[in-house]
Amino acid sequence: GWYRQAPGKQRELVAVISSGGSTNYAASVKGRFTISRDNAKNTVY
């Protein structure tokens, strides 16, 4: 998952991707952010 923390606020989860590639988003970023992963590179975007 990708999290974010703004000054004075708690860290929040904004996007999640499963090992199989399914995704979920917080309402605040849905439609604007896209999470993806490359398991061969051990990298999430």
All heavy atoms as atom14 arrays in JSON, in Angstrom:
{
  "sequence": "GWYRQAPGKQRELVAVISSGGSTNYAASVKGRFTISRDNAKNTVY",
  "atom14_mask": [
    [1, 1, 1, 1, 0, 0, 0, 0, 0, 0, 0, 0, 0, 0],
    [1, 1, 1, 1, 1, 1, 1, 1, 1, 1, 1, 1, 1, 1],
    [1, 1, 1, 1, 1, 1, 1, 1, 1, 1, 1, 1, 0, 0],
    [1, 1, 1, 1, 1, 1, 1, 1, 1, 1, 1, 0, 0, 0],
    [1, 1, 1, 1, 1, 1, 1, 1, 1, 0, 0, 0, 0, 0],
    [1, 1, 1, 1, 1, 0, 0, 0, 0, 0, 0, 0, 0, 0],
    [1, 1, 1, 1, 1, 1, 1, 0, 0, 0, 0, 0, 0, 0],
    [1, 1, 1, 1, 0, 0, 0, 0, 0, 0, 0, 0, 0, 0],
    [1, 1, 1, 1, 1, 1, 1, 1, 1, 0, 0, 0, 0, 0],
    [1, 1, 1, 1, 1, 1, 1, 1, 1, 0, 0, 0, 0, 0],
    [1, 1, 1, 1, 1, 1, 1, 1, 1, 1, 1, 0, 0, 0],
    [1, 1, 1, 1, 1, 1, 1, 1, 1, 0, 0, 0, 0, 0],
    [1, 1, 1, 1, 1, 1, 1, 1, 0, 0, 0, 0, 0, 0],
    [1, 1, 1, 1, 1, 1, 1, 0, 0, 0, 0, 0, 0, 0],
    [1, 1, 1, 1, 1, 0, 0, 0, 0, 0, 0, 0, 0, 0],
    [1, 1, 1, 1, 1, 1, 1, 0, 0, 0, 0, 0, 0, 0],
    [1, 1, 1, 1, 1, 1, 1, 1, 0, 0, 0, 0, 0, 0],
    [1, 1, 1, 1, 1, 1, 0, 0, 0, 0, 0, 0, 0, 0],
    [1, 1, 1, 1, 1, 1, 0, 0, 0, 0, 0, 0, 0, 0],
    [1, 1, 1, 1, 0, 0, 0, 0, 0, 0, 0, 0, 0, 0],
    [1, 1, 1, 1, 0, 0, 0, 0, 0, 0, 0, 0, 0, 0],
    [1, 1, 1, 1, 1, 1, 0, 0, 0, 0, 0, 0, 0, 0],
    [1, 1, 1, 1, 1, 1, 1, 0, 0, 0, 0, 0, 0, 0],
    [1, 1, 1, 1, 1, 1, 1, 1, 0, 0, 0, 0, 0, 0],
    [1, 1, 1, 1, 1, 1, 1, 1, 1, 1, 1, 1, 0, 0],
    [1, 1, 1, 1, 1, 0, 0, 0, 0, 0, 0, 0, 0, 0],
    [1, 1, 1, 1, 1, 0, 0, 0, 0, 0, 0, 0, 0, 0],
    [1, 1, 1, 1, 1, 1, 0, 0, 0, 0, 0, 0, 0, 0],
    [1, 1, 1, 1, 1, 1, 1, 0, 0, 0, 0, 0, 0, 0],
    [1, 1, 1, 1, 1, 1, 1, 1, 1, 0, 0, 0, 0, 0],
    [1, 1, 1, 1, 0, 0, 0, 0, 0, 0, 0, 0, 0, 0],
    [1, 1, 1, 1, 1, 1, 1, 1, 1, 1, 1, 0, 0, 0],
    [1, 1, 1, 1, 1, 1, 1, 1, 1, 1, 1, 0, 0, 0],
    [1, 1, 1, 1, 1, 1, 1, 0, 0, 0, 0, 0, 0, 0],
    [1, 1, 1, 1, 1, 1, 1, 1, 0, 0, 0, 0, 0, 0],
    [1, 1, 1, 1, 1, 1, 0, 0, 0, 0, 0, 0, 0, 0],
    [1, 1, 1, 1, 1, 1, 1, 1, 1, 1, 1, 0, 0, 0],
    [1, 1, 1, 1, 1, 1, 1, 1, 0, 0, 0, 0, 0, 0],
    [1, 1, 1, 1, 1, 1, 1, 1, 0, 0, 0, 0, 0, 0],
    [1, 1, 1, 1, 1, 0, 0, 0, 0, 0, 0, 0, 0, 0],
    [1, 1, 1, 1, 1, 1, 1, 1, 1, 0, 0, 0, 0, 0],
    [1, 1, 1, 1, 1, 1, 1, 1, 0, 0, 0, 0, 0, 0],
    [1, 1, 1, 1, 1, 1, 1, 0, 0, 0, 0, 0, 0, 0],
    [1, 1, 1, 1, 1, 1, 1, 0, 0, 0, 0, 0, 0, 0],
    [1, 1, 1, 1, 1, 1, 1, 1, 1, 1, 1, 1, 0, 0]
  ],
  "atom14_positions": [
    [[0.81, -1.21, 0.0], [0.0, 0.0, 0.0], [0.84, 1.26, 0.0], [2.02, 1.23, 0.37], [0.0, 0.0, 0.0], [0.0, 0.0, 0.0], [0.0, 0.0, 0.0], [0.0, 0.0, 0.0], [0.0, 0.0, 0.0], [0.0, 0.0, 0.0], [0.0, 0.0, 0.0], [0.0, 0.0, 0.0], [0.0, 0.0, 0.0], [0.0, 0.0, 0.0]],
    [[0.22, 2.35, -0.43], [0.82, 3.67, -0.3], [0.07, 4.43, 0.78], [-1.18, 4.44, 0.82], [0.73, 4.43, -1.62], [1.79, 4.06, -2.6], [1.71, 3.18, -3.63], [3.14, 4.55, -2.62], [2.9, 3.09, -4.29], [3.8, 3.94, -3.7], [3.84, 5.48, -1.85], [5.13, 4.2, -4.02], [5.16, 5.74, -2.15], [5.8, 5.11, -3.24]],
    [[0.84, 5.04, 1.65], [0.32, 5.86, 2.73], [0.8, 7.3, 2.52], [1.76, 7.54, 1.82], [0.89, 5.39, 4.08], [0.5, 4.01, 4.5], [1.1, 2.89, 3.93], [-0.43, 3.8, 5.51], [0.76, 1.61, 4.33], [-0.77, 2.53, 5.93], [-0.16, 1.44, 5.35], [-0.5, 0.17, 5.76], [0.0, 0.0, 0.0], [0.0, 0.0, 0.0]],
    [[0.11, 8.21, 3.2], [0.61, 9.58, 3.22], [0.34, 10.2, 4.59], [-0.59, 9.81, 5.28], [-0.03, 10.43, 2.13], [-1.5, 10.69, 2.29], [-2.03, 11.43, 1.07], [-3.46, 11.75, 1.18], [-4.18, 12.26, 0.19], [-3.61, 12.52, -0.99], [-5.46, 12.53, 0.37], [0.0, 0.0, 0.0], [0.0, 0.0, 0.0], [0.0, 0.0, 0.0]],
    [[1.21, 11.13, 4.93], [1.07, 11.84, 6.21], [1.31, 13.32, 5.99], [2.42, 13.73, 5.62], [2.04, 11.29, 7.25], [1.82, 11.86, 8.63], [2.57, 11.09, 9.7], [3.53, 10.37, 9.43], [2.12, 11.22, 10.94], [0.0, 0.0, 0.0], [0.0, 0.0, 0.0], [0.0, 0.0, 0.0], [0.0, 0.0, 0.0], [0.0, 0.0, 0.0]],
    [[0.26, 14.08, 6.17], [0.36, 15.54, 6.08], [0.74, 16.09, 7.45], [0.49, 15.44, 8.48], [-0.96, 16.12, 5.61], [0.0, 0.0, 0.0], [0.0, 0.0, 0.0], [0.0, 0.0, 0.0], [0.0, 0.0, 0.0], [0.0, 0.0, 0.0], [0.0, 0.0, 0.0], [0.0, 0.0, 0.0], [0.0, 0.0, 0.0], [0.0, 0.0, 0.0]],
    [[1.31, 17.28, 7.5], [1.7, 17.88, 8.79], [0.52, 17.95, 9.76], [-0.56, 18.41, 9.4], [2.17, 19.27, 8.39], [2.63, 19.13, 6.98], [1.7, 18.13, 6.36], [0.0, 0.0, 0.0], [0.0, 0.0, 0.0], [0.0, 0.0, 0.0], [0.0, 0.0, 0.0], [0.0, 0.0, 0.0], [0.0, 0.0, 0.0], [0.0, 0.0, 0.0]],
    [[0.75, 17.46, 10.96], [-0.28, 17.51, 12.0], [-1.37, 16.48, 11.85], [-2.35, 16.5, 12.62], [0.0, 0.0, 0.0], [0.0, 0.0, 0.0], [0.0, 0.0, 0.0], [0.0, 0.0, 0.0], [0.0, 0.0, 0.0], [0.0, 0.0, 0.0], [0.0, 0.0, 0.0], [0.0, 0.0, 0.0], [0.0, 0.0, 0.0], [0.0, 0.0, 0.0]],
    [[-1.25, 15.58, 10.89], [-2.29, 14.58, 10.66], [-1.71, 13.17, 10.79], [-0.5, 12.97, 10.72], [-2.92, 14.76, 9.27], [-3.68, 16.06, 9.11], [-4.43, 16.1, 7.8], [-5.25, 17.37, 7.68], [-6.02, 17.4, 6.39], [0.0, 0.0, 0.0], [0.0, 0.0, 0.0], [0.0, 0.0, 0.0], [0.0, 0.0, 0.0], [0.0, 0.0, 0.0]],
    [[-2.6, 12.21, 11.0], [-2.17, 10.82, 11.08], [-1.84, 10.27, 9.7], [-2.35, 10.74, 8.69], [-3.28, 9.97, 11.73], [-3.48, 10.25, 13.21], [-4.39, 9.24, 13.88], [-5.17, 8.55, 13.23], [-4.28, 9.12, 15.19], [0.0, 0.0, 0.0], [0.0, 0.0, 0.0], [0.0, 0.0, 0.0], [0.0, 0.0, 0.0], [0.0, 0.0, 0.0]],
    [[-0.99, 9.27, 9.7], [-0.66, 8.6, 8.45], [-1.88, 7.82, 7.98], [-2.51, 7.1, 8.74], [0.52, 7.66, 8.68], [1.2, 7.16, 7.44], [2.53, 6.5, 7.78], [3.45, 7.45, 8.39], [4.73, 7.16, 8.68], [5.21, 5.97, 8.4], [5.49, 8.05, 9.25], [0.0, 0.0, 0.0], [0.0, 0.0, 0.0], [0.0, 0.0, 0.0]],
    [[-2.24, 7.99, 6.69], [-3.42, 7.33, 6.15], [-3.05, 6.5, 4.93], [-2.18, 6.84, 4.16], [-4.48, 8.37, 5.76], [-4.06, 9.35, 4.69], [-5.2, 10.21, 4.17], [-6.37, 9.85, 4.34], [-4.89, 11.26, 3.55], [0.0, 0.0, 0.0], [0.0, 0.0, 0.0], [0.0, 0.0, 0.0], [0.0, 0.0, 0.0], [0.0, 0.0, 0.0]],
    [[-3.78, 5.4, 4.79], [-3.61, 4.5, 3.66], [-4.46, 5.01, 2.5], [-5.67, 5.19, 2.65], [-4.03, 3.08, 4.05], [-3.91, 1.98, 3.01], [-2.46, 1.78, 2.61], [-4.49, 0.68, 3.57], [0.0, 0.0, 0.0], [0.0, 0.0, 0.0], [0.0, 0.0, 0.0], [0.0, 0.0, 0.0], [0.0, 0.0, 0.0], [0.0, 0.0, 0.0]],
    [[-3.83, 5.24, 1.34], [-4.57, 5.81, 0.22], [-4.75, 4.84, -0.94], [-5.66, 5.03, -1.75], [-3.93, 7.12, -0.29], [-3.94, 8.19, 0.8], [-2.51, 6.89, -0.79], [0.0, 0.0, 0.0], [0.0, 0.0, 0.0], [0.0, 0.0, 0.0], [0.0, 0.0, 0.0], [0.0, 0.0, 0.0], [0.0, 0.0, 0.0], [0.0, 0.0, 0.0]],
    [[-3.92, 3.82, -1.04], [-4.04, 2.88, -2.15], [-3.43, 1.54, -1.75], [-2.42, 1.51, -1.04], [-3.37, 3.42, -3.4], [0.0, 0.0, 0.0], [0.0, 0.0, 0.0], [0.0, 0.0, 0.0], [0.0, 0.0, 0.0], [0.0, 0.0, 0.0], [0.0, 0.0, 0.0], [0.0, 0.0, 0.0], [0.0, 0.0, 0.0], [0.0, 0.0, 0.0]],
    [[-4.06, 0.47, -2.2], [-3.59, -0.88, -1.91], [-3.62, -1.71, -3.18], [-4.55, -1.58, -3.99], [-4.48, -1.56, -0.84], [-4.05, -3.01, -0.63], [-4.42, -0.8, 0.47], [0.0, 0.0, 0.0], [0.0, 0.0, 0.0], [0.0, 0.0, 0.0], [0.0, 0.0, 0.0], [0.0, 0.0, 0.0], [0.0, 0.0, 0.0], [0.0, 0.0, 0.0]],
    [[-2.61, -2.57, -3.34], [-2.61, -3.53, -4.43], [-2.28, -4.9, -3.87], [-1.33, -5.05, -3.09], [-1.62, -3.11, -5.55], [-1.74, -4.06, -6.75], [-0.19, -3.02, -5.04], [-1.07, -3.53, -8.01], [0.0, 0.0, 0.0], [0.0, 0.0, 0.0], [0.0, 0.0, 0.0], [0.0, 0.0, 0.0], [0.0, 0.0, 0.0], [0.0, 0.0, 0.0]],
    [[-3.07, -5.89, -4.23], [-2.85, -7.24, -3.74], [-1.69, -7.89, -4.5], [-1.2, -7.35, -5.5], [-4.12, -8.07, -3.93], [-4.32, -8.35, -5.31], [0.0, 0.0, 0.0], [0.0, 0.0, 0.0], [0.0, 0.0, 0.0], [0.0, 0.0, 0.0], [0.0, 0.0, 0.0], [0.0, 0.0, 0.0], [0.0, 0.0, 0.0], [0.0, 0.0, 0.0]],
    [[-1.28, -9.05, -4.02], [-0.21, -9.77, -4.71], [-0.64, -10.13, -6.14], [0.19, -10.24, -7.03], [0.17, -11.03, -3.93], [-0.97, -11.86, -3.76], [0.0, 0.0, 0.0], [0.0, 0.0, 0.0], [0.0, 0.0, 0.0], [0.0, 0.0, 0.0], [0.0, 0.0, 0.0], [0.0, 0.0, 0.0], [0.0, 0.0, 0.0], [0.0, 0.0, 0.0]],
    [[-1.94, -10.26, -6.36], [-2.45, -10.62, -7.68], [-2.82, -9.43, -8.55], [-3.21, -9.6, -9.71], [0.0, 0.0, 0.0], [0.0, 0.0, 0.0], [0.0, 0.0, 0.0], [0.0, 0.0, 0.0], [0.0, 0.0, 0.0], [0.0, 0.0, 0.0], [0.0, 0.0, 0.0], [0.0, 0.0, 0.0], [0.0, 0.0, 0.0], [0.0, 0.0, 0.0]],
    [[-2.71, -8.23, -7.99], [-2.94, -7.03, -8.79], [-4.26, -6.33, -8.57], [-4.52, -5.29, -9.19], [0.0, 0.0, 0.0], [0.0, 0.0, 0.0], [0.0, 0.0, 0.0], [0.0, 0.0, 0.0], [0.0, 0.0, 0.0], [0.0, 0.0, 0.0], [0.0, 0.0, 0.0], [0.0, 0.0, 0.0], [0.0, 0.0, 0.0], [0.0, 0.0, 0.0]],
    [[-5.11, -6.84, -7.69], [-6.36, -6.13, -7.38], [-6.05, -4.86, -6.61], [-5.13, -4.84, -5.79], [-7.28, -7.02, -6.56], [-7.61, -8.19, -7.28], [0.0, 0.0, 0.0], [0.0, 0.0, 0.0], [0.0, 0.0, 0.0], [0.0, 0.0, 0.0], [0.0, 0.0, 0.0], [0.0, 0.0, 0.0], [0.0, 0.0, 0.0], [0.0, 0.0, 0.0]],
    [[-6.83, -3.82, -6.86], [-6.53, -2.51, -6.25], [-7.74, -1.94, -5.51], [-8.89, -2.24, -5.83], [-6.09, -1.5, -7.32], [-7.13, -1.36, -8.3], [-4.81, -1.94, -8.0], [0.0, 0.0, 0.0], [0.0, 0.0, 0.0], [0.0, 0.0, 0.0], [0.0, 0.0, 0.0], [0.0, 0.0, 0.0], [0.0, 0.0, 0.0], [0.0, 0.0, 0.0]],
    [[-7.43, -1.12, -4.52], [-8.44, -0.36, -3.78], [-7.88, 1.0, -3.44], [-6.67, 1.14, -3.23], [-8.86, -1.08, -2.5], [-9.89, -2.17, -2.76], [-11.03, -1.88, -3.08], [-9.47, -3.41, -2.63], [0.0, 0.0, 0.0], [0.0, 0.0, 0.0], [0.0, 0.0, 0.0], [0.0, 0.0, 0.0], [0.0, 0.0, 0.0], [0.0, 0.0, 0.0]],
    [[-8.77, 1.99, -3.38], [-8.33, 3.36, -3.16], [-9.2, 4.06, -2.12], [-10.39, 3.78, -1.99], [-8.41, 4.16, -4.46], [-7.56, 3.6, -5.57], [-8.07, 2.68, -6.47], [-6.22, 3.98, -5.69], [-7.29, 2.14, -7.47], [-5.42, 3.45, -6.69], [-5.97, 2.54, -7.58], [-5.17, 2.02, -8.57], [0.0, 0.0, 0.0], [0.0, 0.0, 0.0]],
    [[-8.58, 4.99, -1.41], [-9.35, 5.87, -0.55], [-10.21, 6.77, -1.43], [-9.83, 7.1, -2.56], [-8.42, 6.71, 0.31], [0.0, 0.0, 0.0], [0.0, 0.0, 0.0], [0.0, 0.0, 0.0], [0.0, 0.0, 0.0], [0.0, 0.0, 0.0], [0.0, 0.0, 0.0], [0.0, 0.0, 0.0], [0.0, 0.0, 0.0], [0.0, 0.0, 0.0]],
    [[-11.34, 7.17, -0.89], [-12.26, 8.0, -1.67], [-11.61, 9.3, -2.13], [-11.92, 9.82, -3.21], [-13.5, 8.29, -0.83], [0.0, 0.0, 0.0], [0.0, 0.0, 0.0], [0.0, 0.0, 0.0], [0.0, 0.0, 0.0], [0.0, 0.0, 0.0], [0.0, 0.0, 0.0], [0.0, 0.0, 0.0], [0.0, 0.0, 0.0], [0.0, 0.0, 0.0]],
    [[-10.69, 9.81, -1.34], [-10.08, 11.09, -1.64], [-9.17, 11.06, -2.87], [-8.86, 12.1, -3.44], [-9.28, 11.59, -0.43], [-8.3, 10.65, -0.06], [0.0, 0.0, 0.0], [0.0, 0.0, 0.0], [0.0, 0.0, 0.0], [0.0, 0.0, 0.0], [0.0, 0.0, 0.0], [0.0, 0.0, 0.0], [0.0, 0.0, 0.0], [0.0, 0.0, 0.0]],
    [[-8.73, 9.87, -3.27], [-7.8, 9.76, -4.4], [-8.36, 8.93, -5.55], [-7.76, 8.89, -6.62], [-6.44, 9.19, -3.96], [-5.88, 9.99, -2.79], [-6.53, 7.72, -3.62], [0.0, 0.0, 0.0], [0.0, 0.0, 0.0], [0.0, 0.0, 0.0], [0.0, 0.0, 0.0], [0.0, 0.0, 0.0], [0.0, 0.0, 0.0], [0.0, 0.0, 0.0]],
    [[-9.49, 8.29, -5.33], [-10.05, 7.41, -6.35], [-10.33, 8.18, -7.63], [-10.88, 9.27, -7.6], [-11.34, 6.76, -5.83], [-11.79, 5.56, -6.64], [-12.9, 4.83, -5.92], [-13.26, 3.55, -6.64], [-14.3, 2.77, -5.91], [0.0, 0.0, 0.0], [0.0, 0.0, 0.0], [0.0, 0.0, 0.0], [0.0, 0.0, 0.0], [0.0, 0.0, 0.0]],
    [[-9.9, 7.61, -8.74], [-10.08, 8.27, -10.03], [-8.92, 9.16, -10.44], [-8.83, 9.57, -11.6], [0.0, 0.0, 0.0], [0.0, 0.0, 0.0], [0.0, 0.0, 0.0], [0.0, 0.0, 0.0], [0.0, 0.0, 0.0], [0.0, 0.0, 0.0], [0.0, 0.0, 0.0], [0.0, 0.0, 0.0], [0.0, 0.0, 0.0], [0.0, 0.0, 0.0]],
    [[-8.05, 9.45, -9.48], [-6.89, 10.31, -9.77], [-5.56, 9.56, -9.6], [-4.6, 9.86, -10.31], [-6.89, 11.53, -8.85], [-8.13, 12.39, -8.96], [-7.99, 13.67, -8.14], [-7.85, 13.4, -6.71], [-6.8, 13.8, -5.98], [-5.8, 14.45, -6.54], [-6.77, 13.54, -4.68], [0.0, 0.0, 0.0], [0.0, 0.0, 0.0], [0.0, 0.0, 0.0]],
    [[-5.5, 8.63, -8.66], [-4.27, 7.89, -8.38], [-4.42, 6.46, -8.9], [-5.51, 5.88, -8.85], [-4.01, 7.83, -6.89], [-3.6, 9.13, -6.25], [-3.69, 10.34, -6.93], [-3.12, 9.15, -4.95], [-3.32, 11.54, -6.33], [-2.73, 10.33, -4.34], [-2.84, 11.52, -5.02], [0.0, 0.0, 0.0], [0.0, 0.0, 0.0], [0.0, 0.0, 0.0]],
    [[-3.29, 5.89, -9.34], [-3.27, 4.5, -9.77], [-2.06, 3.81, -9.16], [-0.93, 4.26, -9.34], [-3.19, 4.4, -11.3], [-4.31, 5.08, -11.88], [-3.21, 2.95, -11.75], [0.0, 0.0, 0.0], [0.0, 0.0, 0.0], [0.0, 0.0, 0.0], [0.0, 0.0, 0.0], [0.0, 0.0, 0.0], [0.0, 0.0, 0.0], [0.0, 0.0, 0.0]],
    [[-2.32, 2.72, -8.46], [-1.24, 1.92, -7.86], [-0.96, 0.74, -8.78], [-1.88, 0.15, -9.37], [-1.61, 1.47, -6.43], [-0.41, 0.81, -5.75], [-2.83, 0.56, -6.43], [-0.63, 0.52, -4.26], [0.0, 0.0, 0.0], [0.0, 0.0, 0.0], [0.0, 0.0, 0.0], [0.0, 0.0, 0.0], [0.0, 0.0, 0.0], [0.0, 0.0, 0.0]],
    [[0.31, 0.41, -8.92], [0.71, -0.75, -9.72], [1.96, -1.36, -9.1], [2.58, -0.77, -8.21], [0.96, -0.34, -11.18], [1.99, 0.62, -11.27], [0.0, 0.0, 0.0], [0.0, 0.0, 0.0], [0.0, 0.0, 0.0], [0.0, 0.0, 0.0], [0.0, 0.0, 0.0], [0.0, 0.0, 0.0], [0.0, 0.0, 0.0], [0.0, 0.0, 0.0]],
    [[2.32, -2.53, -9.58], [3.51, -3.18, -9.04], [4.22, -3.96, -10.13], [3.61, -4.42, -11.09], [3.13, -4.08, -7.86], [2.31, -5.29, -8.24], [1.77, -6.0, -6.99], [2.85, -6.51, -6.14], [2.69, -6.83, -4.87], [1.52, -6.7, -4.27], [3.71, -7.3, -4.18], [0.0, 0.0, 0.0], [0.0, 0.0, 0.0], [0.0, 0.0, 0.0]],
    [[5.52, -4.11, -9.94], [6.36, -4.95, -10.79], [7.1, -5.9, -9.86], [8.1, -5.52, -9.25], [7.33, -4.08, -11.6], [8.13, -4.88, -12.61], [8.29, -6.1, -12.42], [8.6, -4.28, -13.59], [0.0, 0.0, 0.0], [0.0, 0.0, 0.0], [0.0, 0.0, 0.0], [0.0, 0.0, 0.0], [0.0, 0.0, 0.0], [0.0, 0.0, 0.0]],
    [[6.58, -7.11, -9.74], [7.18, -8.06, -8.79], [8.6, -8.45, -9.19], [9.42, -8.75, -8.33], [6.3, -9.3, -8.67], [5.0, -9.02, -7.93], [4.91, -8.07, -7.16], [3.99, -9.82, -8.19], [0.0, 0.0, 0.0], [0.0, 0.0, 0.0], [0.0, 0.0, 0.0], [0.0, 0.0, 0.0], [0.0, 0.0, 0.0], [0.0, 0.0, 0.0]],
    [[8.89, -8.46, -10.47], [10.24, -8.8, -10.91], [11.26, -7.78, -10.43], [12.44, -8.1, -10.24], [10.28, -8.91, -12.43], [0.0, 0.0, 0.0], [0.0, 0.0, 0.0], [0.0, 0.0, 0.0], [0.0, 0.0, 0.0], [0.0, 0.0, 0.0], [0.0, 0.0, 0.0], [0.0, 0.0, 0.0], [0.0, 0.0, 0.0], [0.0, 0.0, 0.0]],
    [[10.8, -6.54, -10.24], [11.68, -5.47, -9.78], [11.48, -5.16, -8.3], [12.09, -4.22, -7.78], [11.45, -4.21, -10.6], [11.82, -4.35, -12.07], [11.6, -3.04, -12.83], [12.0, -3.19, -14.28], [11.79, -1.92, -15.03], [0.0, 0.0, 0.0], [0.0, 0.0, 0.0], [0.0, 0.0, 0.0], [0.0, 0.0, 0.0], [0.0, 0.0, 0.0]],
    [[10.59, -5.91, -7.63], [10.29, -5.64, -6.22], [9.93, -4.18, -6.01], [10.4, -3.53, -5.07], [11.48, -6.01, -5.33], [11.58, -7.5, -5.09], [10.73, -8.27, -5.52], [12.64, -7.92, -4.43], [0.0, 0.0, 0.0], [0.0, 0.0, 0.0], [0.0, 0.0, 0.0], [0.0, 0.0, 0.0], [0.0, 0.0, 0.0], [0.0, 0.0, 0.0]],
    [[9.1, -3.65, -6.9], [8.77, -2.22, -6.87], [7.27, -2.02, -6.99], [6.61, -2.71, -7.78], [9.5, -1.48, -8.0], [10.91, -1.67, -7.85], [9.21, 0.01, -7.95], [0.0, 0.0, 0.0], [0.0, 0.0, 0.0], [0.0, 0.0, 0.0], [0.0, 0.0, 0.0], [0.0, 0.0, 0.0], [0.0, 0.0, 0.0], [0.0, 0.0, 0.0]],
    [[6.77, -1.08, -6.22], [5.37, -0.66, -6.33], [5.36, 0.82, -6.7], [6.22, 1.58, -6.26], [4.6, -0.94, -5.01], [5.18, -0.18, -3.85], [3.13, -0.63, -5.18], [0.0, 0.0, 0.0], [0.0, 0.0, 0.0], [0.0, 0.0, 0.0], [0.0, 0.0, 0.0], [0.0, 0.0, 0.0], [0.0, 0.0, 0.0], [0.0, 0.0, 0.0]],
    [[4.4, 1.2, -7.52], [4.33, 2.56, -8.04], [3.02, 3.23, -7.65], [2.03, 2.56, -7.37], [4.43, 2.54, -9.57], [5.65, 1.86, -10.11], [5.6, 0.53, -10.53], [6.87, 2.53, -10.21], [6.71, -0.11, -11.03], [7.99, 1.9, -10.7], [7.9, 0.57, -11.12], [9.02, -0.05, -11.6], [0.0, 0.0, 0.0], [0.0, 0.0, 0.0]]
  ]
}
